[in-house]
Amino acid sequence: IVFILLLSGCPTPPEITKPDQTVITEESAFKHYQNGQYELAAKHYEQLIASTSSPDKEKYQLLAAESYIYTHNYTQASQILDNISPNTNDISIKYKAIILRAWASLKNKQPEEALKSLQTPFPQKLDVAIIQKYYRLRAEAFKLNGKPIESATELMFLEKYLESPQSVIENQKNLLSGLQTLTDASLKI
Protein backbone atom coordinates (compact mmCIF):
# COMPACT_ATOMS: atom_id res chain seq x y z
CA ILE A 1 0.00 0.00 0.00
CA VAL A 2 2.83 2.39 0.77
CA PHE A 3 4.26 1.70 -2.68
CA ILE A 4 0.96 2.58 -4.38
CA LEU A 5 0.70 5.77 -2.36
CA LEU A 6 4.24 6.74 -3.39
CA LEU A 7 3.49 6.12 -7.03
CA SER A 8 0.28 8.11 -6.94
CA GLY A 9 2.08 11.07 -5.40
CA CYS A 10 4.82 11.13 -8.02
CA PRO A 11 4.25 13.39 -10.94
CA THR A 12 4.22 11.82 -14.34
CA PRO A 13 7.47 12.21 -16.24
CA PRO A 14 7.46 15.06 -18.74
CA GLU A 15 6.91 14.20 -22.33
CA ILE A 16 10.09 14.34 -24.32
CA THR A 17 9.61 16.02 -27.64
CA LYS A 18 12.17 15.58 -30.28
CA PRO A 19 13.32 18.63 -32.20
CA ASP A 20 12.24 18.85 -35.78
CA GLN A 21 14.33 16.31 -37.60
CA THR A 22 13.77 17.76 -41.06
CA VAL A 23 16.04 16.10 -43.55
CA ILE A 24 17.83 18.64 -45.69
CA THR A 25 18.05 17.60 -49.32
CA GLU A 26 19.24 19.29 -52.46
CA GLU A 27 15.62 19.37 -53.61
CA SER A 28 14.41 21.16 -50.47
CA ALA A 29 17.21 23.73 -50.70
CA PHE A 30 16.48 24.31 -54.39
CA LYS A 31 12.76 24.67 -53.67
CA HIS A 32 13.50 27.47 -51.20
CA TYR A 33 15.81 29.06 -53.76
CA GLN A 34 13.14 28.92 -56.49
CA ASN A 35 10.57 30.43 -54.12
CA GLY A 36 12.83 33.38 -53.35
CA GLN A 37 13.51 32.19 -49.81
CA TYR A 38 17.21 32.80 -50.23
CA GLU A 39 18.17 32.95 -46.56
CA LEU A 40 16.60 29.58 -45.91
CA ALA A 41 18.09 28.17 -49.12
CA ALA A 42 21.55 29.38 -48.08
CA LYS A 43 21.21 27.72 -44.66
CA HIS A 44 20.12 24.47 -46.29
CA TYR A 45 23.01 24.59 -48.74
CA GLU A 46 25.41 25.22 -45.86
CA GLN A 47 24.12 22.10 -44.13
CA LEU A 48 24.62 20.17 -47.35
CA ILE A 49 28.18 21.56 -47.59
CA ALA A 50 28.96 20.23 -44.13
CA SER A 51 27.78 16.74 -45.00
CA THR A 52 29.10 16.40 -48.55
CA SER A 53 32.44 15.99 -50.26
CA SER A 54 33.71 17.18 -53.65
CA PRO A 55 32.46 17.82 -56.31
CA ASP A 56 28.98 18.32 -54.87
CA LYS A 57 30.45 20.36 -52.03
CA GLU A 58 31.69 23.05 -54.42
CA LYS A 59 28.35 23.10 -56.20
CA TYR A 60 26.59 23.70 -52.87
CA GLN A 61 29.13 26.36 -51.94
CA LEU A 62 28.34 28.24 -55.14
CA LEU A 63 24.60 27.97 -54.53
CA ALA A 64 24.92 29.06 -50.90
CA ALA A 65 27.07 32.05 -51.89
CA GLU A 66 24.61 33.05 -54.61
CA SER A 67 21.73 32.78 -52.16
CA TYR A 68 23.55 35.02 -49.69
CA ILE A 69 24.20 37.58 -52.41
CA TYR A 70 20.45 37.74 -53.03
CA THR A 71 19.96 38.46 -49.30
CA HIS A 72 22.64 41.21 -49.47
CA ASN A 73 24.85 39.25 -47.07
CA TYR A 74 28.02 39.80 -49.08
CA THR A 75 30.33 38.98 -46.18
CA GLN A 76 28.86 35.49 -45.75
CA ALA A 77 28.92 34.95 -49.51
CA SER A 78 32.60 35.91 -49.63
CA GLN A 79 33.46 33.60 -46.75
CA ILE A 80 31.85 30.68 -48.55
CA LEU A 81 33.59 31.55 -51.82
CA ASP A 82 36.92 31.78 -49.97
CA ASN A 83 36.46 28.15 -48.93
CA ILE A 84 36.29 26.90 -52.50
CA SER A 85 39.65 25.42 -53.36
CA PRO A 86 41.44 27.45 -56.03
CA ASN A 87 43.03 24.18 -57.13
CA THR A 88 39.72 22.62 -58.08
CA ASN A 89 39.94 20.53 -61.22
CA ASP A 90 36.53 21.73 -62.38
CA ILE A 91 37.23 24.86 -64.42
CA SER A 92 33.51 25.70 -64.46
CA ILE A 93 33.39 25.87 -60.64
CA LYS A 94 36.51 28.02 -60.54
CA TYR A 95 35.10 30.59 -62.94
CA LYS A 96 31.60 30.55 -61.45
CA ALA A 97 33.22 31.43 -58.11
CA ILE A 98 35.02 34.35 -59.79
CA ILE A 99 31.72 35.51 -61.31
CA LEU A 100 29.93 35.33 -57.94
CA ARG A 101 32.74 37.21 -56.18
CA ALA A 102 32.59 39.98 -58.80
CA TRP A 103 28.79 40.11 -58.62
CA ALA A 104 28.90 40.42 -54.82
CA SER A 105 31.42 43.25 -55.17
CA LEU A 106 29.20 45.09 -57.64
CA LYS A 107 26.10 44.63 -55.46
CA ASN A 108 28.17 46.01 -52.57
CA LYS A 109 29.09 49.08 -54.69
CA GLN A 110 32.73 48.03 -55.09
CA PRO A 111 33.39 48.10 -58.85
CA GLU A 112 37.18 48.15 -58.39
CA GLU A 113 37.00 44.88 -56.44
CA ALA A 114 34.79 43.40 -59.13
CA LEU A 115 37.33 44.32 -61.80
CA LYS A 116 40.13 42.77 -59.74
CA SER A 117 38.14 39.54 -59.61
CA LEU A 118 37.58 39.68 -63.36
CA GLN A 119 41.16 40.47 -64.40
CA THR A 120 41.82 37.00 -65.71
CA PRO A 121 40.46 36.46 -69.21
CA PHE A 122 37.98 33.62 -69.31
CA PRO A 123 38.75 30.60 -71.49
CA GLN A 124 36.51 30.40 -74.52
CA LYS A 125 35.70 26.76 -73.80
CA LEU A 126 33.50 27.70 -70.85
CA ASP A 127 29.74 27.57 -70.96
CA VAL A 128 28.38 30.53 -72.95
CA ALA A 129 26.27 31.69 -70.00
CA ILE A 130 29.40 32.09 -67.85
CA ILE A 131 31.18 34.06 -70.57
CA GLN A 132 28.13 36.30 -70.99
CA LYS A 133 28.10 37.01 -67.25
CA TYR A 134 31.82 37.77 -67.36
CA TYR A 135 31.40 40.48 -70.00
CA ARG A 136 28.21 41.88 -68.46
CA LEU A 137 29.87 42.20 -65.05
CA ARG A 138 32.96 43.84 -66.53
CA ALA A 139 30.76 46.29 -68.46
CA GLU A 140 28.80 47.14 -65.32
CA ALA A 141 31.97 47.57 -63.24
CA PHE A 142 33.47 49.96 -65.79
CA LYS A 143 30.17 51.85 -65.98
CA LEU A 144 30.07 52.27 -62.20
CA ASN A 145 33.70 53.43 -62.31
CA GLY A 146 32.74 56.19 -64.74
CA LYS A 147 34.44 54.59 -67.74
CA PRO A 148 31.76 54.42 -70.44
CA ILE A 149 34.17 53.65 -73.30
CA GLU A 150 35.57 50.60 -71.48
CA SER A 151 32.04 49.56 -70.59
CA ALA A 152 30.99 49.82 -74.24
CA THR A 153 34.01 47.75 -75.28
CA GLU A 154 32.96 44.94 -72.95
CA LEU A 155 29.43 45.06 -74.35
CA MET A 156 30.86 44.76 -77.86
CA PHE A 157 32.81 41.66 -76.79
CA LEU A 158 29.64 40.28 -75.19
CA GLU A 159 27.67 40.57 -78.42
CA LYS A 160 29.37 37.67 -80.17
CA TYR A 161 28.21 35.36 -77.35
CA LEU A 162 24.56 36.40 -77.45
CA GLU A 163 22.30 33.81 -78.97
CA SER A 164 19.01 35.51 -79.68
CA PRO A 165 18.29 38.54 -81.85
CA GLN A 166 16.37 40.08 -78.95
CA SER A 167 19.36 39.86 -76.60
CA VAL A 168 21.61 41.40 -79.30
CA ILE A 169 19.19 44.32 -79.69
CA GLU A 170 19.01 44.79 -75.91
CA ASN A 171 22.81 44.74 -75.69
CA GLN A 172 23.09 47.34 -78.48
CA LYS A 173 20.63 49.58 -76.64
CA ASN A 174 22.76 49.31 -73.49
CA LEU A 175 25.88 50.06 -75.52
CA LEU A 176 24.35 53.17 -77.09
CA SER A 177 22.93 54.31 -73.77
CA GLY A 178 26.39 54.15 -72.21
CA LEU A 179 28.02 55.99 -75.09
CA GLN A 180 25.43 58.78 -74.87
CA THR A 181 26.85 59.69 -71.48
CA LEU A 182 30.17 60.69 -73.09
CA THR A 183 31.00 64.37 -73.07
CA ASP A 184 32.74 66.25 -75.87
CA ALA A 185 35.81 66.57 -73.66
CA SER A 186 36.06 62.83 -73.09
CA LEU A 187 35.82 62.18 -76.83
CA LYS A 188 38.83 64.44 -77.53
CA ILE A 189 41.18 62.34 -75.45
C-alpha atoms as a PDB file:
ATOM      1  CA  ILE A   1       0.000   0.000   0.000  1.00  0.00           C
ATOM      2  CA  VAL A   2       2.826   2.389   0.772  1.00  0.00           C
ATOM      3  CA  PHE A   3       4.260   1.697  -2.678  1.00  0.00           C
ATOM      4  CA  ILE A   4       0.965   2.575  -4.383  1.00  0.00           C
ATOM      5  CA  LEU A   5       0.704   5.773  -2.363  1.00  0.00           C
ATOM      6  CA  LEU A   6       4.237   6.739  -3.394  1.00  0.00           C
ATOM      7  CA  LEU A   7       3.487   6.122  -7.031  1.00  0.00           C
ATOM      8  CA  SER A   8       0.280   8.112  -6.936  1.00  0.00           C
ATOM      9  CA  GLY A   9       2.083  11.073  -5.402  1.00  0.00           C
ATOM     10  CA  CYS A  10       4.824  11.133  -8.024  1.00  0.00           C
ATOM     11  CA  PRO A  11       4.248  13.389 -10.935  1.00  0.00           C
ATOM     12  CA  THR A  12       4.225  11.815 -14.342  1.00  0.00           C
ATOM     13  CA  PRO A  13       7.474  12.215 -16.242  1.00  0.00           C
ATOM     14  CA  PRO A  14       7.464  15.062 -18.741  1.00  0.00           C
ATOM     15  CA  GLU A  15       6.914  14.201 -22.334  1.00  0.00           C
ATOM     16  CA  ILE A  16      10.093  14.342 -24.321  1.00  0.00           C
ATOM     17  CA  THR A  17       9.608  16.021 -27.638  1.00  0.00           C
ATOM     18  CA  LYS A  18      12.174  15.579 -30.281  1.00  0.00           C
ATOM     19  CA  PRO A  19      13.321  18.627 -32.202  1.00  0.00           C
ATOM     20  CA  ASP A  20      12.236  18.855 -35.782  1.00  0.00           C
ATOM     21  CA  GLN A  21      14.333  16.309 -37.603  1.00  0.00           C
ATOM     22  CA  THR A  22      13.773  17.755 -41.063  1.00  0.00           C
ATOM     23  CA  VAL A  23      16.041  16.105 -43.546  1.00  0.00           C
ATOM     24  CA  ILE A  24      17.834  18.637 -45.691  1.00  0.00           C
ATOM     25  CA  THR A  25      18.055  17.604 -49.317  1.00  0.00           C
ATOM     26  CA  GLU A  26      19.238  19.286 -52.462  1.00  0.00           C
ATOM     27  CA  GLU A  27      15.622  19.366 -53.610  1.00  0.00           C
ATOM     28  CA  SER A  28      14.410  21.164 -50.467  1.00  0.00           C
ATOM     29  CA  ALA A  29      17.206  23.727 -50.702  1.00  0.00           C
ATOM     30  CA  PHE A  30      16.477  24.312 -54.389  1.00  0.00           C
ATOM     31  CA  LYS A  31      12.760  24.667 -53.666  1.00  0.00           C
ATOM     32  CA  HIS A  32      13.496  27.474 -51.202  1.00  0.00           C
ATOM     33  CA  TYR A  33      15.808  29.058 -53.757  1.00  0.00           C
ATOM     34  CA  GLN A  34      13.135  28.919 -56.489  1.00  0.00           C
ATOM     35  CA  ASN A  35      10.569  30.431 -54.120  1.00  0.00           C
ATOM     36  CA  GLY A  36      12.830  33.378 -53.351  1.00  0.00           C
ATOM     37  CA  GLN A  37      13.509  32.191 -49.814  1.00  0.00           C
ATOM     38  CA  TYR A  38      17.211  32.800 -50.228  1.00  0.00           C
ATOM     39  CA  GLU A  39      18.166  32.955 -46.558  1.00  0.00           C
ATOM     40  CA  LEU A  40      16.596  29.577 -45.914  1.00  0.00           C
ATOM     41  CA  ALA A  41      18.088  28.167 -49.122  1.00  0.00           C
ATOM     42  CA  ALA A  42      21.546  29.378 -48.079  1.00  0.00           C
ATOM     43  CA  LYS A  43      21.206  27.724 -44.658  1.00  0.00           C
ATOM     44  CA  HIS A  44      20.123  24.470 -46.291  1.00  0.00           C
ATOM     45  CA  TYR A  45      23.013  24.587 -48.743  1.00  0.00           C
ATOM     46  CA  GLU A  46      25.410  25.222 -45.863  1.00  0.00           C
ATOM     47  CA  GLN A  47      24.122  22.103 -44.128  1.00  0.00           C
ATOM     48  CA  LEU A  48      24.623  20.166 -47.348  1.00  0.00           C
ATOM     49  CA  ILE A  49      28.176  21.557 -47.592  1.00  0.00           C
ATOM     50  CA  ALA A  50      28.959  20.233 -44.132  1.00  0.00           C
ATOM     51  CA  SER A  51      27.781  16.735 -44.998  1.00  0.00           C
ATOM     52  CA  THR A  52      29.101  16.401 -48.554  1.00  0.00           C
ATOM     53  CA  SER A  53      32.440  15.993 -50.265  1.00  0.00           C
ATOM     54  CA  SER A  54      33.708  17.184 -53.646  1.00  0.00           C
ATOM     55  CA  PRO A  55      32.463  17.822 -56.309  1.00  0.00           C
ATOM     56  CA  ASP A  56      28.978  18.321 -54.868  1.00  0.00           C
ATOM     57  CA  LYS A  57      30.445  20.356 -52.031  1.00  0.00           C
ATOM     58  CA  GLU A  58      31.692  23.045 -54.424  1.00  0.00           C
ATOM     59  CA  LYS A  59      28.348  23.099 -56.202  1.00  0.00           C
ATOM     60  CA  TYR A  60      26.587  23.704 -52.874  1.00  0.00           C
ATOM     61  CA  GLN A  61      29.132  26.359 -51.943  1.00  0.00           C
ATOM     62  CA  LEU A  62      28.345  28.244 -55.143  1.00  0.00           C
ATOM     63  CA  LEU A  63      24.599  27.969 -54.531  1.00  0.00           C
ATOM     64  CA  ALA A  64      24.916  29.064 -50.900  1.00  0.00           C
ATOM     65  CA  ALA A  65      27.065  32.048 -51.885  1.00  0.00           C
ATOM     66  CA  GLU A  66      24.610  33.053 -54.610  1.00  0.00           C
ATOM     67  CA  SER A  67      21.725  32.777 -52.158  1.00  0.00           C
ATOM     68  CA  TYR A  68      23.552  35.017 -49.685  1.00  0.00           C
ATOM     69  CA  ILE A  69      24.200  37.580 -52.410  1.00  0.00           C
ATOM     70  CA  TYR A  70      20.452  37.737 -53.031  1.00  0.00           C
ATOM     71  CA  THR A  71      19.959  38.464 -49.301  1.00  0.00           C
ATOM     72  CA  HIS A  72      22.641  41.208 -49.465  1.00  0.00           C
ATOM     73  CA  ASN A  73      24.846  39.246 -47.071  1.00  0.00           C
ATOM     74  CA  TYR A  74      28.021  39.796 -49.079  1.00  0.00           C
ATOM     75  CA  THR A  75      30.333  38.976 -46.177  1.00  0.00           C
ATOM     76  CA  GLN A  76      28.857  35.494 -45.752  1.00  0.00           C
ATOM     77  CA  ALA A  77      28.918  34.949 -49.512  1.00  0.00           C
ATOM     78  CA  SER A  78      32.598  35.914 -49.632  1.00  0.00           C
ATOM     79  CA  GLN A  79      33.459  33.603 -46.755  1.00  0.00           C
ATOM     80  CA  ILE A  80      31.855  30.680 -48.546  1.00  0.00           C
ATOM     81  CA  LEU A  81      33.588  31.555 -51.819  1.00  0.00           C
ATOM     82  CA  ASP A  82      36.923  31.780 -49.968  1.00  0.00           C
ATOM     83  CA  ASN A  83      36.457  28.149 -48.931  1.00  0.00           C
ATOM     84  CA  ILE A  84      36.293  26.898 -52.504  1.00  0.00           C
ATOM     85  CA  SER A  85      39.650  25.421 -53.360  1.00  0.00           C
ATOM     86  CA  PRO A  86      41.444  27.454 -56.027  1.00  0.00           C
ATOM     87  CA  ASN A  87      43.027  24.183 -57.128  1.00  0.00           C
ATOM     88  CA  THR A  88      39.722  22.617 -58.079  1.00  0.00           C
ATOM     89  CA  ASN A  89      39.936  20.529 -61.218  1.00  0.00           C
ATOM     90  CA  ASP A  90      36.526  21.728 -62.381  1.00  0.00           C
ATOM     91  CA  ILE A  91      37.227  24.858 -64.416  1.00  0.00           C
ATOM     92  CA  SER A  92      33.513  25.700 -64.462  1.00  0.00           C
ATOM     93  CA  ILE A  93      33.389  25.875 -60.639  1.00  0.00           C
ATOM     94  CA  LYS A  94      36.514  28.024 -60.541  1.00  0.00           C
ATOM     95  CA  TYR A  95      35.097  30.590 -62.937  1.00  0.00           C
ATOM     96  CA  LYS A  96      31.601  30.547 -61.449  1.00  0.00           C
ATOM     97  CA  ALA A  97      33.217  31.434 -58.109  1.00  0.00           C
ATOM     98  CA  ILE A  98      35.019  34.348 -59.787  1.00  0.00           C
ATOM     99  CA  ILE A  99      31.720  35.510 -61.310  1.00  0.00           C
ATOM    100  CA  LEU A 100      29.932  35.332 -57.942  1.00  0.00           C
ATOM    101  CA  ARG A 101      32.742  37.205 -56.184  1.00  0.00           C
ATOM    102  CA  ALA A 102      32.586  39.977 -58.801  1.00  0.00           C
ATOM    103  CA  TRP A 103      28.794  40.112 -58.623  1.00  0.00           C
ATOM    104  CA  ALA A 104      28.901  40.418 -54.823  1.00  0.00           C
ATOM    105  CA  SER A 105      31.418  43.254 -55.165  1.00  0.00           C
ATOM    106  CA  LEU A 106      29.197  45.094 -57.637  1.00  0.00           C
ATOM    107  CA  LYS A 107      26.105  44.635 -55.465  1.00  0.00           C
ATOM    108  CA  ASN A 108      28.170  46.005 -52.573  1.00  0.00           C
ATOM    109  CA  LYS A 109      29.086  49.079 -54.686  1.00  0.00           C
ATOM    110  CA  GLN A 110      32.732  48.027 -55.089  1.00  0.00           C
ATOM    111  CA  PRO A 111      33.393  48.101 -58.845  1.00  0.00           C
ATOM    112  CA  GLU A 112      37.180  48.150 -58.386  1.00  0.00           C
ATOM    113  CA  GLU A 113      37.004  44.877 -56.440  1.00  0.00           C
ATOM    114  CA  ALA A 114      34.788  43.401 -59.131  1.00  0.00           C
ATOM    115  CA  LEU A 115      37.328  44.316 -61.804  1.00  0.00           C
ATOM    116  CA  LYS A 116      40.126  42.771 -59.741  1.00  0.00           C
ATOM    117  CA  SER A 117      38.139  39.538 -59.613  1.00  0.00           C
ATOM    118  CA  LEU A 118      37.580  39.675 -63.364  1.00  0.00           C
ATOM    119  CA  GLN A 119      41.163  40.470 -64.401  1.00  0.00           C
ATOM    120  CA  THR A 120      41.819  36.996 -65.713  1.00  0.00           C
ATOM    121  CA  PRO A 121      40.456  36.456 -69.213  1.00  0.00           C
ATOM    122  CA  PHE A 122      37.983  33.620 -69.309  1.00  0.00           C
ATOM    123  CA  PRO A 123      38.754  30.605 -71.485  1.00  0.00           C
ATOM    124  CA  GLN A 124      36.514  30.402 -74.525  1.00  0.00           C
ATOM    125  CA  LYS A 125      35.700  26.755 -73.801  1.00  0.00           C
ATOM    126  CA  LEU A 126      33.505  27.703 -70.847  1.00  0.00           C
ATOM    127  CA  ASP A 127      29.741  27.566 -70.961  1.00  0.00           C
ATOM    128  CA  VAL A 128      28.384  30.526 -72.949  1.00  0.00           C
ATOM    129  CA  ALA A 129      26.269  31.693 -69.996  1.00  0.00           C
ATOM    130  CA  ILE A 130      29.403  32.089 -67.848  1.00  0.00           C
ATOM    131  CA  ILE A 131      31.183  34.058 -70.568  1.00  0.00           C
ATOM    132  CA  GLN A 132      28.133  36.296 -70.990  1.00  0.00           C
ATOM    133  CA  LYS A 133      28.095  37.011 -67.249  1.00  0.00           C
ATOM    134  CA  TYR A 134      31.823  37.766 -67.364  1.00  0.00           C
ATOM    135  CA  TYR A 135      31.396  40.480 -70.003  1.00  0.00           C
ATOM    136  CA  ARG A 136      28.211  41.881 -68.456  1.00  0.00           C
ATOM    137  CA  LEU A 137      29.869  42.200 -65.047  1.00  0.00           C
ATOM    138  CA  ARG A 138      32.957  43.839 -66.535  1.00  0.00           C
ATOM    139  CA  ALA A 139      30.761  46.294 -68.458  1.00  0.00           C
ATOM    140  CA  GLU A 140      28.798  47.144 -65.317  1.00  0.00           C
ATOM    141  CA  ALA A 141      31.965  47.574 -63.240  1.00  0.00           C
ATOM    142  CA  PHE A 142      33.466  49.959 -65.791  1.00  0.00           C
ATOM    143  CA  LYS A 143      30.172  51.846 -65.984  1.00  0.00           C
ATOM    144  CA  LEU A 144      30.068  52.267 -62.196  1.00  0.00           C
ATOM    145  CA  ASN A 145      33.695  53.426 -62.313  1.00  0.00           C
ATOM    146  CA  GLY A 146      32.735  56.185 -64.743  1.00  0.00           C
ATOM    147  CA  LYS A 147      34.444  54.586 -67.739  1.00  0.00           C
ATOM    148  CA  PRO A 148      31.759  54.416 -70.443  1.00  0.00           C
ATOM    149  CA  ILE A 149      34.170  53.648 -73.303  1.00  0.00           C
ATOM    150  CA  GLU A 150      35.570  50.599 -71.485  1.00  0.00           C
ATOM    151  CA  SER A 151      32.037  49.559 -70.590  1.00  0.00           C
ATOM    152  CA  ALA A 152      30.989  49.817 -74.242  1.00  0.00           C
ATOM    153  CA  THR A 153      34.011  47.754 -75.276  1.00  0.00           C
ATOM    154  CA  GLU A 154      32.958  44.939 -72.954  1.00  0.00           C
ATOM    155  CA  LEU A 155      29.426  45.060 -74.352  1.00  0.00           C
ATOM    156  CA  MET A 156      30.857  44.761 -77.860  1.00  0.00           C
ATOM    157  CA  PHE A 157      32.815  41.656 -76.789  1.00  0.00           C
ATOM    158  CA  LEU A 158      29.643  40.282 -75.193  1.00  0.00           C
ATOM    159  CA  GLU A 159      27.666  40.574 -78.420  1.00  0.00           C
ATOM    160  CA  LYS A 160      29.366  37.672 -80.167  1.00  0.00           C
ATOM    161  CA  TYR A 161      28.211  35.358 -77.348  1.00  0.00           C
ATOM    162  CA  LEU A 162      24.558  36.395 -77.445  1.00  0.00           C
ATOM    163  CA  GLU A 163      22.299  33.810 -78.968  1.00  0.00           C
ATOM    164  CA  SER A 164      19.008  35.507 -79.685  1.00  0.00           C
ATOM    165  CA  PRO A 165      18.288  38.544 -81.845  1.00  0.00           C
ATOM    166  CA  GLN A 166      16.370  40.085 -78.954  1.00  0.00           C
ATOM    167  CA  SER A 167      19.358  39.858 -76.599  1.00  0.00           C
ATOM    168  CA  VAL A 168      21.606  41.395 -79.300  1.00  0.00           C
ATOM    169  CA  ILE A 169      19.189  44.324 -79.686  1.00  0.00           C
ATOM    170  CA  GLU A 170      19.010  44.795 -75.910  1.00  0.00           C
ATOM    171  CA  ASN A 171      22.808  44.743 -75.693  1.00  0.00           C
ATOM    172  CA  GLN A 172      23.086  47.337 -78.481  1.00  0.00           C
ATOM    173  CA  LYS A 173      20.632  49.578 -76.639  1.00  0.00           C
ATOM    174  CA  ASN A 174      22.761  49.308 -73.490  1.00  0.00           C
ATOM    175  CA  LEU A 175      25.882  50.059 -75.518  1.00  0.00           C
ATOM    176  CA  LEU A 176      24.347  53.170 -77.089  1.00  0.00           C
ATOM    177  CA  SER A 177      22.935  54.312 -73.772  1.00  0.00           C
ATOM    178  CA  GLY A 178      26.386  54.147 -72.212  1.00  0.00           C
ATOM    179  CA  LEU A 179      28.017  55.989 -75.088  1.00  0.00           C
ATOM    180  CA  GLN A 180      25.428  58.784 -74.873  1.00  0.00           C
ATOM    181  CA  THR A 181      26.848  59.689 -71.482  1.00  0.00           C
ATOM    182  CA  LEU A 182      30.167  60.694 -73.088  1.00  0.00           C
ATOM    183  CA  THR A 183      31.000  64.368 -73.065  1.00  0.00           C
ATOM    184  CA  ASP A 184      32.743  66.252 -75.869  1.00  0.00           C
ATOM    185  CA  ALA A 185      35.814  66.570 -73.659  1.00  0.00           C
ATOM    186  CA  SER A 186      36.055  62.828 -73.091  1.00  0.00           C
ATOM    187  CA  LEU A 187      35.823  62.185 -76.833  1.00  0.00           C
ATOM    188  CA  LYS A 188      38.826  64.443 -77.528  1.00  0.00           C
ATOM    189  CA  ILE A 189      41.179  62.336 -75.448  1.00  0.00           C
END
